[in-house]
Amino acid sequence: MKVLNCIGDFCPIPLLYSKAEAQTLKPGESFMLVTDHSCVLESIQDYYLDRNYELKIAEVLNGVWEVTISRKC
């Protein structure tokens, strides 16, 4: 699984990276975005809410999140 390391990146940079990567996914494929900014979580959730993707979000350290973005079949 590809990992986009967006530690230290402010909005909208992680969202732009994720949009570009999401366009390359085939159904059933996924990638992970790692961020340390809560505003990125909001942007990602807002963007993917009504699209054909599934999100899984885990706070792996205090203030660090792993967001797995999967294209639905």
Protein backbone atom coordinates (compact mmCIF):
# COMPACT_ATOMS: atom_id res chain seq x y z
CA MET A 1 0.00 0.00 0.00
CA LYS A 2 1.31 3.41 -0.93
CA VAL A 3 1.80 5.86 1.96
CA LEU A 4 1.59 9.63 1.52
CA ASN A 5 3.61 11.20 4.32
CA CYS A 6 2.01 14.61 4.88
CA ILE A 7 3.52 15.28 8.30
CA GLY A 8 4.01 19.02 8.57
CA ASP A 9 1.94 19.82 5.47
CA PHE A 10 -0.90 22.30 5.92
CA CYS A 11 -4.24 22.36 4.11
CA PRO A 12 -4.89 22.07 1.22
CA ILE A 13 -1.64 20.29 0.26
CA PRO A 14 -2.54 16.85 1.73
CA LEU A 15 -5.98 16.99 0.11
CA LEU A 16 -4.44 17.79 -3.27
CA TYR A 17 -1.98 14.90 -2.91
CA SER A 18 -4.78 12.53 -1.91
CA LYS A 19 -7.00 13.60 -4.82
CA ALA A 20 -4.19 12.91 -7.29
CA GLU A 21 -3.48 9.50 -5.75
CA ALA A 22 -7.17 8.57 -5.53
CA GLN A 23 -7.56 9.08 -9.28
CA THR A 24 -5.03 6.28 -9.89
CA LEU A 25 -6.86 3.70 -7.73
CA LYS A 26 -8.71 0.78 -9.22
CA PRO A 27 -11.76 -0.60 -7.38
CA GLY A 28 -10.65 -2.34 -4.19
CA GLU A 29 -7.27 -0.57 -4.02
CA SER A 30 -6.27 1.83 -1.26
CA PHE A 31 -3.55 4.13 0.00
CA MET A 32 -2.69 5.71 3.34
CA LEU A 33 -2.22 9.37 4.15
CA VAL A 34 -0.37 10.27 7.36
CA THR A 35 -0.98 13.72 8.84
CA ASP A 36 -0.41 15.68 12.02
CA HIS A 37 -3.04 18.38 11.39
CA SER A 38 -6.66 17.88 12.42
CA CYS A 39 -7.86 20.33 9.74
CA VAL A 40 -6.61 17.84 7.14
CA LEU A 41 -8.97 15.22 8.57
CA GLU A 42 -11.92 17.56 8.11
CA SER A 43 -10.91 18.39 4.54
CA ILE A 44 -10.42 14.73 3.63
CA GLN A 45 -13.74 13.68 5.17
CA ASP A 46 -15.63 16.53 3.49
CA TYR A 47 -14.15 15.74 0.08
CA TYR A 48 -14.63 11.97 0.13
CA LEU A 49 -18.01 11.93 1.89
CA ASP A 50 -20.14 11.77 -1.27
CA ARG A 51 -17.67 9.98 -3.51
CA ASN A 52 -17.04 6.31 -4.23
CA TYR A 53 -14.39 5.92 -1.49
CA GLU A 54 -14.24 4.52 2.02
CA LEU A 55 -12.19 6.14 4.80
CA LYS A 56 -10.66 4.55 7.87
CA ILE A 57 -9.07 6.96 10.33
CA ALA A 58 -6.82 5.97 13.22
CA GLU A 59 -4.99 8.27 15.62
CA VAL A 60 -1.77 6.29 15.99
CA LEU A 61 0.01 8.83 18.19
CA ASN A 62 -1.31 11.85 20.02
CA GLY A 63 -1.97 14.28 17.14
CA VAL A 64 -0.88 11.93 14.33
CA TRP A 65 -3.48 10.23 12.15
CA GLU A 66 -3.35 7.52 9.50
CA VAL A 67 -6.15 7.84 6.97
CA THR A 68 -6.70 4.85 4.70
CA ILE A 69 -8.59 5.79 1.55
CA SER A 70 -10.06 2.88 -0.42
CA ARG A 71 -11.93 2.95 -3.70
CA LYS A 72 -15.19 1.05 -3.40
CA CYS A 73 -15.88 -1.81 -5.79
